[in-house]
Protein backbone atom coordinates (compact mmCIF):
# COMPACT_ATOMS: atom_id res chain seq x y z
CA UNK A 1 82.26 26.16 -90.46
CA UNK A 2 84.46 23.22 -89.49
CA UNK A 3 85.82 22.87 -93.02
CA UNK A 4 86.46 26.58 -93.44
CA UNK A 5 87.85 27.57 -90.05
CA UNK A 6 91.47 26.51 -90.54
CA UNK A 7 91.55 27.90 -94.09
CA UNK A 8 90.10 31.21 -92.94
CA UNK A 9 92.65 31.52 -90.14
CA UNK A 10 95.53 30.65 -92.49
CA UNK A 11 94.41 33.13 -95.15
CA UNK A 12 93.81 35.86 -92.58
CA UNK A 13 97.25 35.40 -91.07
CA UNK A 14 98.88 35.28 -94.52
CA UNK A 15 97.12 38.39 -95.81
CA UNK A 16 97.76 40.33 -92.61
CA UNK A 17 101.46 39.50 -92.75
CA UNK A 18 101.56 40.46 -96.42
CA UNK A 19 100.18 43.92 -95.72
CA UNK A 20 101.74 44.68 -92.36
CA UNK A 21 104.67 46.53 -93.92
CA UNK A 22 102.33 49.07 -95.55
CA UNK A 23 102.27 52.46 -93.80
CA UNK A 24 99.84 52.65 -90.89
CA UNK A 25 98.71 56.17 -91.79
CA UNK A 26 95.53 54.80 -93.36
CA UNK A 27 95.31 51.45 -91.55
CA UNK A 28 94.72 52.88 -88.09
CA UNK A 29 91.99 55.39 -88.91
CA UNK A 30 91.88 59.11 -89.56
CA UNK A 31 92.39 61.91 -87.04
CA UNK A 32 93.34 65.58 -86.99
CA UNK A 33 95.80 66.66 -84.30
CA UNK A 34 97.45 70.04 -85.07
CA UNK A 35 100.72 70.47 -83.18
CA UNK A 36 104.08 72.23 -83.24
CA UNK A 37 106.18 69.24 -84.29
CA UNK A 38 108.11 69.23 -87.53
CA UNK A 39 106.37 68.17 -90.72
CA UNK A 40 108.71 65.19 -91.05
CA UNK A 41 107.63 63.81 -87.65
CA UNK A 42 103.88 64.08 -88.25
CA UNK A 43 103.23 60.66 -89.76
CA UNK A 44 104.89 58.81 -86.90
CA UNK A 45 103.24 61.04 -84.32
CA UNK A 46 99.78 60.55 -85.78
CA UNK A 47 100.42 56.81 -86.06
CA UNK A 48 101.27 56.81 -82.36
CA UNK A 49 98.12 58.68 -81.36
CA UNK A 50 95.89 56.44 -83.49
CA UNK A 51 97.59 53.37 -82.02
CA UNK A 52 96.81 54.74 -78.54
CA UNK A 53 93.16 55.05 -79.51
CA UNK A 54 93.09 51.33 -80.39
CA UNK A 55 95.11 50.27 -77.33
CA UNK A 56 98.06 49.20 -79.48
CA UNK A 57 100.34 50.50 -76.74
CA UNK A 58 103.58 48.91 -77.89
CA UNK A 59 103.12 50.10 -81.44
CA UNK A 60 102.29 53.57 -80.13
CA UNK A 61 105.49 53.71 -78.11
CA UNK A 62 107.62 52.74 -81.10
CA UNK A 63 105.92 55.37 -83.28
CA UNK A 64 106.45 58.14 -80.73
CA UNK A 65 110.09 57.17 -80.35
CA UNK A 66 110.52 57.46 -84.11
CA UNK A 67 108.94 60.92 -83.99
CA UNK A 68 111.37 61.92 -81.24
CA UNK A 69 114.35 60.88 -83.33
CA UNK A 70 113.12 62.96 -86.24
CA UNK A 71 112.33 66.00 -84.06
CA UNK A 72 114.02 65.81 -80.62
CA UNK A 73 112.26 69.01 -79.49
CA UNK A 74 108.76 67.64 -80.27
CA UNK A 75 107.14 67.91 -76.82
CA UNK A 76 104.01 65.91 -77.63
CA UNK A 77 106.07 62.97 -78.91
CA UNK A 78 107.30 62.49 -75.33
CA UNK A 79 103.80 63.03 -73.97
CA UNK A 80 102.59 60.31 -76.32
CA UNK A 81 105.24 57.85 -75.21
CA UNK A 82 104.26 58.42 -71.58
CA UNK A 83 100.60 57.89 -72.50
CA UNK A 84 101.51 54.50 -73.97
CA UNK A 85 102.56 53.39 -70.48
CA UNK A 86 99.05 53.95 -69.10
CA UNK A 87 96.36 51.33 -69.75
CA UNK A 88 93.18 53.09 -68.58
CA UNK A 89 90.61 50.32 -68.66
CA UNK A 90 92.95 47.80 -67.04
CA UNK A 91 93.89 50.15 -64.17
CA UNK A 92 97.56 49.73 -65.07
CA UNK A 93 100.38 52.19 -65.51
CA UNK A 94 104.18 52.06 -65.51
CA UNK A 95 105.22 55.18 -63.64
CA UNK A 96 108.94 54.55 -64.04
CA UNK A 97 108.69 54.08 -67.80
CA UNK A 98 106.55 57.19 -68.19
CA UNK A 99 108.94 59.20 -66.05
CA UNK A 100 111.86 58.07 -68.19
CA UNK A 101 110.00 59.09 -71.34
CA UNK A 102 109.15 62.55 -70.03
CA UNK A 103 112.64 63.09 -68.66
CA UNK A 104 114.02 62.66 -72.16
CA UNK A 105 112.21 65.90 -73.02
CA UNK A 106 113.38 67.73 -69.90
CA UNK A 107 114.30 66.70 -66.34
CA UNK A 108 111.61 68.76 -64.55
CA UNK A 109 107.94 69.49 -65.07
CA UNK A 110 108.63 73.20 -65.33
CA UNK A 111 111.26 72.65 -68.00
CA UNK A 112 108.92 70.38 -69.91
CA UNK A 113 106.19 73.02 -69.87
CA UNK A 114 108.68 75.59 -71.12
CA UNK A 115 109.52 73.33 -74.05
CA UNK A 116 105.90 73.26 -75.26
CA UNK A 117 105.23 76.25 -77.52
CA UNK A 118 101.40 76.27 -77.41
CA UNK A 119 98.80 76.45 -74.66
CA UNK A 120 97.21 73.15 -75.69
CA UNK A 121 100.52 71.33 -75.61
CA UNK A 122 101.27 72.75 -72.18
CA UNK A 123 97.88 71.48 -70.99
CA UNK A 124 98.55 68.01 -72.40
CA UNK A 125 101.87 67.91 -70.55
CA UNK A 126 100.21 69.12 -67.37
CA UNK A 127 97.53 66.44 -67.71
CA UNK A 128 100.01 63.59 -68.14
CA UNK A 129 101.89 64.91 -65.10
CA UNK A 130 98.67 64.61 -63.12
CA UNK A 131 98.02 61.12 -64.48
CA UNK A 132 101.33 59.80 -63.16
CA UNK A 133 102.55 62.03 -60.37
CA UNK A 134 99.57 63.58 -58.57
CA UNK A 135 98.95 62.43 -54.96
CA UNK A 136 97.09 59.24 -54.10
CA UNK A 137 96.70 55.82 -55.60
CA UNK A 138 95.99 54.96 -59.23
CA UNK A 139 92.26 55.57 -58.91
CA UNK A 140 92.75 58.98 -57.29
CA UNK A 141 95.17 59.95 -60.04
CA UNK A 142 92.71 58.74 -62.66
CA UNK A 143 90.01 60.99 -61.23
CA UNK A 144 92.39 63.96 -61.02
CA UNK A 145 93.48 63.38 -64.61
CA UNK A 146 89.87 63.11 -65.80
CA UNK A 147 89.02 66.38 -64.07
CA UNK A 148 91.91 68.05 -65.87
CA UNK A 149 90.78 66.62 -69.20
CA UNK A 150 87.28 67.92 -68.44
CA UNK A 151 88.70 71.42 -68.09
CA UNK A 152 90.51 71.06 -71.39
CA UNK A 153 87.29 69.83 -73.00
CA UNK A 154 85.40 72.84 -71.66
CA UNK A 155 88.06 75.19 -73.00
CA UNK A 156 88.33 73.55 -76.43
CA UNK A 157 84.98 71.73 -76.95
CA UNK A 158 85.46 71.34 -80.73
CA UNK A 159 88.86 69.66 -80.47
CA UNK A 160 88.15 66.01 -81.22
CA UNK A 161 91.39 64.71 -79.73
CA UNK A 162 90.82 66.44 -76.43
CA UNK A 163 87.23 65.19 -76.47
CA UNK A 164 88.26 61.59 -77.09
CA UNK A 165 91.00 61.59 -74.45
CA UNK A 166 88.47 63.07 -72.03
CA UNK A 167 85.95 60.34 -72.87
CA UNK A 168 88.58 57.68 -72.26
CA UNK A 169 89.58 59.32 -68.98
CA UNK A 170 85.99 58.96 -67.76
CA UNK A 171 85.99 55.25 -68.58
CA UNK A 172 89.37 55.00 -66.85
CA UNK A 173 87.78 55.97 -63.51
CA UNK A 174 85.30 53.06 -63.59
CA UNK A 175 86.15 50.05 -61.46
CA UNK A 176 84.45 46.66 -61.04
CA UNK A 177 81.55 46.94 -58.64
CA UNK A 178 80.95 50.65 -59.22
CA UNK A 179 77.30 51.67 -59.12
CA UNK A 180 75.60 53.91 -61.64
CA UNK A 181 76.15 54.61 -65.30
CA UNK A 182 76.75 58.38 -65.45
CA UNK A 183 80.43 58.31 -66.45
CA UNK A 184 79.89 55.69 -69.13
CA UNK A 185 76.92 57.65 -70.50
CA UNK A 186 78.95 60.86 -70.67
CA UNK A 187 81.84 59.04 -72.35
CA UNK A 188 79.41 57.57 -74.88
CA UNK A 189 77.83 60.95 -75.60
CA UNK A 190 81.21 62.59 -76.22
CA UNK A 191 82.45 59.71 -78.36
CA UNK A 192 79.26 59.69 -80.42
CA UNK A 193 79.65 63.42 -81.08
CA UNK A 194 83.17 62.87 -82.39
CA UNK A 195 82.01 59.88 -84.41
CA UNK A 196 79.28 61.99 -86.02
CA UNK A 197 81.92 64.49 -87.17
CA UNK A 198 84.49 61.88 -88.20
CA UNK A 199 83.30 58.35 -88.92
CA UNK A 200 86.92 57.25 -89.41
CA UNK A 201 88.04 58.24 -85.91
CA UNK A 202 89.33 55.04 -84.23
CA UNK A 203 88.94 56.32 -80.68
CA UNK A 204 85.35 57.40 -81.23
CA UNK A 205 84.24 53.98 -82.47
CA UNK A 206 86.34 52.19 -79.85
CA UNK A 207 85.06 54.10 -76.84
CA UNK A 208 81.44 53.94 -77.97
CA UNK A 209 81.84 50.17 -77.77
CA UNK A 210 83.41 50.28 -74.31
CA UNK A 211 80.78 52.72 -73.03
CA UNK A 212 77.92 50.43 -74.08
CA UNK A 213 79.58 47.10 -73.25
CA UNK A 214 76.80 45.57 -71.16
CA UNK A 215 73.61 43.64 -71.93
CA UNK A 216 71.31 46.65 -71.46
CA UNK A 217 73.16 49.08 -73.74
CA UNK A 218 75.05 46.91 -76.23
CA UNK A 219 72.55 47.40 -79.04
CA UNK A 220 73.40 51.12 -79.03
CA UNK A 221 76.99 50.30 -80.00
CA UNK A 222 76.16 47.98 -82.87
CA UNK A 223 76.64 50.69 -85.54
CA UNK A 224 80.14 51.46 -84.21
CA UNK A 225 80.93 47.78 -83.80
CA UNK A 226 80.12 47.03 -87.42
CA UNK A 227 82.61 49.62 -88.72
CA UNK A 228 85.46 49.76 -86.19
CA UNK A 229 87.40 46.88 -87.75
CA UNK A 230 87.25 48.64 -91.14
CA UNK A 231 88.42 51.92 -89.59
CA UNK A 232 91.59 50.43 -88.09
CA UNK A 233 92.31 47.10 -89.81
CA UNK A 234 95.98 47.19 -88.76
CA UNK A 235 95.05 47.09 -85.05
CA UNK A 236 94.43 43.65 -83.56
CA UNK A 237 92.41 45.24 -80.78
CA UNK A 238 90.21 47.04 -83.30
CA UNK A 239 89.53 43.75 -85.05
CA UNK A 240 88.62 42.19 -81.71
CA UNK A 241 86.54 44.95 -80.09
CA UNK A 242 83.38 44.54 -82.20
CA UNK A 243 83.06 41.07 -80.70
CA UNK A 244 82.37 42.69 -77.33
CA UNK A 245 79.06 43.89 -78.73
CA UNK A 246 78.45 40.77 -80.80
CA UNK A 247 78.92 38.68 -77.64
CA UNK A 248 76.52 40.85 -75.63
CA UNK A 249 73.93 40.27 -78.36
CA UNK A 250 74.56 36.52 -78.68
CA UNK A 251 75.92 36.85 -82.24
CA UNK A 252 78.29 33.91 -81.86
CA UNK A 253 79.37 33.46 -85.48
CA UNK A 254 80.28 37.16 -85.63
CA UNK A 255 82.33 36.73 -82.46
CA UNK A 256 84.17 33.86 -84.14
CA UNK A 257 84.83 35.81 -87.32
CA UNK A 258 86.08 38.88 -85.44
CA UNK A 259 88.51 36.91 -83.34
CA UNK A 260 89.89 34.78 -86.16
CA UNK A 261 90.96 38.07 -87.75
CA UNK A 262 92.10 39.61 -84.47
CA UNK A 263 94.13 36.57 -83.43
CA UNK A 264 95.96 36.51 -86.76
CA UNK A 265 96.69 40.22 -86.43
CA UNK A 266 97.93 39.87 -82.85
CA UNK A 267 100.28 37.02 -83.79
CA UNK A 268 101.66 39.06 -86.66
CA UNK A 269 102.20 42.17 -84.53
CA UNK A 270 103.97 40.07 -81.89
CA UNK A 271 106.33 38.75 -84.54
CA UNK A 272 106.86 42.14 -86.18
CA UNK A 273 107.81 43.94 -82.97
CA UNK A 274 109.28 41.01 -81.06
CA UNK A 275 106.59 41.18 -78.37
CA UNK A 276 105.97 38.48 -75.82
CA UNK A 277 103.02 36.14 -76.22
CA UNK A 278 100.20 36.19 -73.72
CA UNK A 279 98.40 39.51 -74.07
CA UNK A 280 96.29 40.48 -77.09
CA UNK A 281 96.92 37.13 -78.76
CA UNK A 282 95.57 35.16 -75.78
CA UNK A 283 92.72 37.59 -75.25
CA UNK A 284 91.44 37.07 -78.79
CA UNK A 285 92.17 33.34 -78.78
CA UNK A 286 90.16 32.86 -75.59
CA UNK A 287 87.18 34.72 -77.06
CA UNK A 288 87.44 32.66 -80.24
CA UNK A 289 87.39 29.45 -78.23
CA UNK A 290 84.42 30.61 -76.13
CA UNK A 291 82.38 31.52 -79.21
CA UNK A 292 83.18 28.15 -80.78
CA UNK A 293 81.95 26.50 -77.60
CA UNK A 294 78.73 28.51 -77.77
CA UNK A 295 78.26 27.36 -81.37
CA UNK A 296 78.80 23.75 -80.31
CA UNK A 297 81.97 23.60 -82.40
CA UNK A 298 83.85 21.67 -79.73
CA UNK A 299 86.49 20.36 -82.12
CA UNK A 300 87.36 23.89 -83.22
CA UNK A 301 87.44 25.04 -79.61
CA UNK A 302 89.78 22.12 -78.92
CA UNK A 303 92.09 23.37 -81.66
CA UNK A 304 92.06 26.82 -80.06
CA UNK A 305 92.98 25.21 -76.74
CA UNK A 306 95.79 23.30 -78.44
CA UNK A 307 97.14 26.59 -79.81
CA UNK A 308 97.15 27.94 -76.26
CA UNK A 309 98.93 24.83 -74.98
CA UNK A 310 101.56 25.20 -77.70
CA UNK A 311 102.13 28.79 -76.61
CA UNK A 312 102.63 27.60 -73.03
CA UNK A 313 105.13 25.00 -74.23
CA UNK A 314 107.03 27.80 -75.99
CA UNK A 315 106.82 30.06 -72.93
CA UNK A 316 106.94 27.81 -69.85
CA UNK A 317 108.02 30.66 -67.58
CA UNK A 318 105.36 33.16 -68.69
CA UNK A 319 102.72 33.72 -66.02
CA UNK A 320 100.52 35.55 -68.55
CA UNK A 321 100.55 32.62 -70.95
CA UNK A 322 100.06 30.07 -68.15
CA UNK A 323 97.09 31.96 -66.68
CA UNK A 324 95.56 32.45 -70.12
CA UNK A 325 95.89 28.76 -70.88
CA UNK A 326 94.31 27.73 -67.57
CA UNK A 327 91.33 30.01 -68.19
CA UNK A 328 90.81 28.47 -71.62
CA UNK A 329 91.27 24.93 -70.36
CA UNK A 330 88.89 25.44 -67.46
CA UNK A 331 86.23 26.97 -69.67
CA UNK A 332 86.56 24.09 -72.14
CA UNK A 333 85.98 21.57 -69.36
CA UNK A 334 82.91 23.37 -68.06
CA UNK A 335 81.26 23.94 -71.41
CA UNK A 336 81.89 20.45 -72.80
CA UNK A 337 81.24 18.57 -69.56
CA UNK A 338 84.41 16.58 -70.17
CA UNK A 339 85.34 16.43 -66.50
CA UNK A 340 89.05 16.20 -65.83
CA UNK A 341 90.80 13.98 -63.29
CA UNK A 342 93.56 16.38 -62.21
CA UNK A 343 95.34 16.69 -58.89
CA UNK A 344 95.22 20.01 -57.06
CA UNK A 345 98.60 21.70 -57.51
CA UNK A 346 100.63 23.13 -54.63
CA UNK A 347 99.46 26.50 -53.23
CA UNK A 348 102.52 28.42 -54.37
CA UNK A 349 102.17 27.47 -58.03
CA UNK A 350 100.22 29.22 -60.77
CA UNK A 351 97.90 26.24 -61.19
CA UNK A 352 97.44 25.90 -57.44
CA UNK A 353 96.42 29.53 -56.96
CA UNK A 354 94.39 30.09 -60.13
CA UNK A 355 90.88 30.40 -58.69
CA UNK A 356 88.93 29.51 -61.83
CA UNK A 357 91.06 26.45 -62.46
CA UNK A 358 90.84 25.34 -58.83
CA UNK A 359 87.05 25.61 -59.03
CA UNK A 360 87.01 23.50 -62.20
CA UNK A 361 89.09 20.84 -60.42
CA UNK A 362 86.59 20.95 -57.56
CA UNK A 363 83.57 20.55 -59.82
CA UNK A 364 85.26 17.85 -61.89
CA UNK A 365 86.20 15.93 -58.77
CA UNK A 366 82.62 16.12 -57.54
CA UNK A 367 81.28 14.76 -60.83
CA UNK A 368 83.92 12.00 -60.86
CA UNK A 369 83.08 10.94 -57.31
CA UNK A 370 86.21 12.28 -55.62
CA UNK A 371 84.64 14.19 -52.75
CA UNK A 372 87.96 14.55 -50.94
CA UNK A 373 89.57 16.43 -53.82
CA UNK A 374 86.49 18.57 -54.18
CA UNK A 375 86.69 19.50 -50.50
CA UNK A 376 90.38 20.28 -50.92
CA UNK A 377 89.54 22.62 -53.80
CA UNK A 378 86.98 24.35 -51.58
CA UNK A 379 89.59 24.82 -48.87
CA UNK A 380 92.02 26.27 -51.42
CA UNK A 381 89.41 28.69 -52.72
CA UNK A 382 88.80 29.89 -49.17
CA UNK A 383 92.51 30.63 -48.80
CA UNK A 384 92.55 32.55 -52.08
CA UNK A 385 89.45 34.51 -51.06
CA UNK A 386 90.91 35.45 -47.70
CA UNK A 387 94.13 36.57 -49.34
CA UNK A 388 92.25 38.81 -51.74
CA UNK A 389 90.09 40.26 -49.00
CA UNK A 390 93.17 41.02 -46.89
CA UNK A 391 94.71 42.82 -49.87
CA UNK A 392 91.63 45.02 -50.21
CA UNK A 393 90.42 43.29 -53.38
CA UNK A 394 86.85 43.08 -52.16
CA UNK A 395 85.25 42.62 -55.58
CA UNK A 396 87.58 39.77 -56.50
CA UNK A 397 86.98 38.16 -53.11
CA UNK A 398 83.23 38.14 -53.81
CA UNK A 399 83.91 36.42 -57.11
CA UNK A 400 85.82 33.68 -55.29
CA UNK A 401 82.97 33.29 -52.84
CA UNK A 402 80.69 32.58 -55.80
CA UNK A 403 83.09 29.88 -56.99
CA UNK A 404 83.05 28.31 -53.53
CA UNK A 405 79.27 28.19 -53.50
CA UNK A 406 79.19 26.74 -57.00
CA UNK A 407 81.57 23.93 -56.09
CA UNK A 408 79.56 23.28 -52.93
CA UNK A 409 76.36 23.18 -54.96
CA UNK A 410 77.73 20.65 -57.43
CA UNK A 411 79.19 18.52 -54.65
CA UNK A 412 75.84 18.51 -52.84
CA UNK A 413 73.99 17.61 -56.03
CA UNK A 414 76.13 14.59 -56.87
CA UNK A 415 75.78 13.42 -53.28
CA UNK A 416 72.01 13.44 -53.76
CA UNK A 417 71.38 16.43 -51.47
CA UNK A 418 69.21 18.47 -53.81
CA UNK A 419 67.98 20.93 -51.19
CA UNK A 420 71.48 22.01 -50.19
CA UNK A 421 72.54 22.05 -53.84
CA UNK A 422 69.75 24.52 -54.61
CA UNK A 423 70.52 26.57 -51.51
CA UNK A 424 74.22 26.94 -52.38
CA UNK A 425 73.44 27.73 -56.02
CA UNK A 426 70.74 30.25 -55.08
CA UNK A 427 73.13 31.99 -52.70
CA UNK A 428 75.77 32.16 -55.45
CA UNK A 429 73.24 33.52 -57.94
CA UNK A 430 72.07 36.22 -55.54
CA UNK A 431 75.64 37.36 -54.96
CA UNK A 432 76.30 37.38 -58.70
CA UNK A 433 73.15 39.26 -59.71
CA UNK A 434 73.11 41.74 -56.83
CA UNK A 435 76.78 42.49 -56.23
CA UNK A 436 78.61 41.80 -59.49
CA UNK A 437 78.57 43.56 -62.82
CA UNK A 438 77.36 41.80 -65.93
CA UNK A 439 80.41 40.47 -67.75
CA UNK A 440 81.90 42.40 -70.69
CA UNK A 441 83.11 39.17 -72.25
CA UNK A 442 83.03 35.44 -71.55
CA UNK A 443 81.48 35.01 -68.10
CA UNK A 444 83.65 35.21 -65.01
CA UNK A 445 82.98 33.18 -62.90
CA UNK A 446 83.07 30.90 -65.90
CA UNK A 447 79.85 29.10 -64.98
CA UNK A 448 77.21 31.82 -64.51
CA UNK A 449 75.79 31.21 -61.07
CA UNK A 450 72.19 31.83 -62.06
CA UNK A 451 72.60 29.35 -64.91
CA UNK A 452 73.97 26.77 -62.47
CA UNK A 453 70.97 27.39 -60.24
CA UNK A 454 68.68 26.77 -63.20
CA UNK A 455 70.55 23.58 -64.11
CA UNK A 456 70.20 22.26 -60.56
CA UNK A 457 66.52 23.23 -60.34
CA UNK A 458 65.92 21.32 -63.56
CA UNK A 459 67.98 18.36 -62.32
CA UNK A 460 65.96 18.24 -59.09
CA UNK A 461 62.63 18.22 -60.97
CA UNK A 462 61.65 21.86 -60.38
CA UNK A 463 61.20 22.94 -64.02
CA UNK A 464 58.94 25.95 -63.41
CA UNK A 465 61.54 27.50 -61.10
CA UNK A 466 64.22 26.50 -63.61
CA UNK A 467 62.44 28.41 -66.37
CA UNK A 468 62.54 31.62 -64.30
CA UNK A 469 66.22 31.11 -63.52
CA UNK A 470 67.14 30.46 -67.16
CA UNK A 471 65.23 33.56 -68.22
CA UNK A 472 67.15 35.56 -65.64
CA UNK A 473 70.39 34.05 -66.88
CA UNK A 474 69.60 35.11 -70.45
CA UNK A 475 69.07 38.67 -69.29
CA UNK A 476 72.49 38.50 -67.63
CA UNK A 477 74.24 36.95 -70.66
CA UNK A 478 71.96 37.20 -73.71
CA UNK A 479 71.97 34.29 -76.13
CA UNK A 480 74.22 32.07 -74.03
CA UNK A 481 73.74 28.62 -75.54
CA UNK A 482 73.59 26.47 -72.37
CA UNK A 483 70.87 28.75 -70.97
CA UNK A 484 68.94 28.70 -74.25
CA UNK A 485 69.05 24.91 -74.34
CA UNK A 486 68.31 24.62 -70.65
CA UNK A 487 65.27 26.86 -71.06
CA UNK A 488 64.00 24.62 -73.85
CA UNK A 489 64.39 21.53 -71.66
CA UNK A 490 62.78 23.19 -68.64
CA UNK A 491 59.84 24.40 -70.73
CA UNK A 492 59.31 20.92 -72.12
CA UNK A 493 59.58 19.38 -68.65
CA UNK A 494 57.10 21.89 -67.23
CA UNK A 495 54.70 21.08 -70.04
CA UNK A 496 54.89 17.37 -69.31
CA UNK A 497 54.39 17.99 -65.59
CA UNK A 498 51.24 20.02 -66.21
CA UNK A 499 49.49 17.31 -68.22
């Protein structure tokens, strides 16, 4: 792999750039969406909808704007532009941008409805109005929107586009820490029905993957994951998404291959549309680096990290790029054990308030014998946790509490206090397993707490307990290499102890 990685990335980037000018009508999948727009505007409109299905939001916006220029009275072209300003699974929306898009059609909701010549188009406009302007916060609006899409689905159950937007709306109501699986199961069922009717539908394949993106259900999405990239090869996100399932199944080489292609596509799309670095490009690059780390390809992961550093050098004022780089750098330190001697940055800076990076500084300091810096990192994490809790970000605050316990566990271990090290790590693992959701990507916290517990149990000569912890870790993150190797060591140690 080492010899072929750079060549593969170069060829992928070259070939993607060579084909990017080809029409997207066939490169983003195949859908049917009858509407009242002019024939001349259909290709751009359908490109926009298919781009929405693959979360290519910028490309979708540009396509809908082209459709508007061709047919200024095309109501759904304005609906589509507004939909591109909502990012359902990230709980993000730009209300001002959506309002501006809809106001181009007409200045009031009533006037916009009057401009839509069919009942379905009126319902789409009513739904997007609910998504942005109904009472309550984002979550309340997401539920109201999903309920409206449910009514549309009940009225037109054979309309695949309504079905798919309804399925996505269900996933858009899920938040970290939510209990139960009913909404994801319903979204999966609807998406699978559409997929059975149209195996080239990008949204169907995409949302099957998101619905089953956890260790218990991932195997059910493998058929969709193996074809999604071929359905929409022009979409960087479509090239990346199969790796969600590959990662859940511990298929590390497949994760690498997916994200080499996706990273090249994301870089090309950024260049084509003049988009800022730090979103899809960093997302795919970080997954590529993590999979290389899991394969033990530390040199290749180092090259990925160098690419991220170069992006930060090009964009020194970009918080997105800086945060993405710190995540990658912190993960590289943890997975390689190459502990870093880095000062704790000031609280008001990105580096000084980035919880994962602060925790890596704390663990590194503990391993390097700098207990004072490790304690300072713990104090900083406490401040970050309190700030999140005060802002109502309870789930994120719990995640920080896990990081605190992990740093405390490592610090206790290097001080020779094995009992406290185990106690801190066990507490962190219980919080992780009982109150957090299994990760849908590289673990966050970056060191799985139950794996750290297993490491410490093994380090303190408790191999039988370590075996149980490693097995639990592998249920949490299947195939994770450090847990696989740790389990092998613990099993061997337990065998020696029993002789």
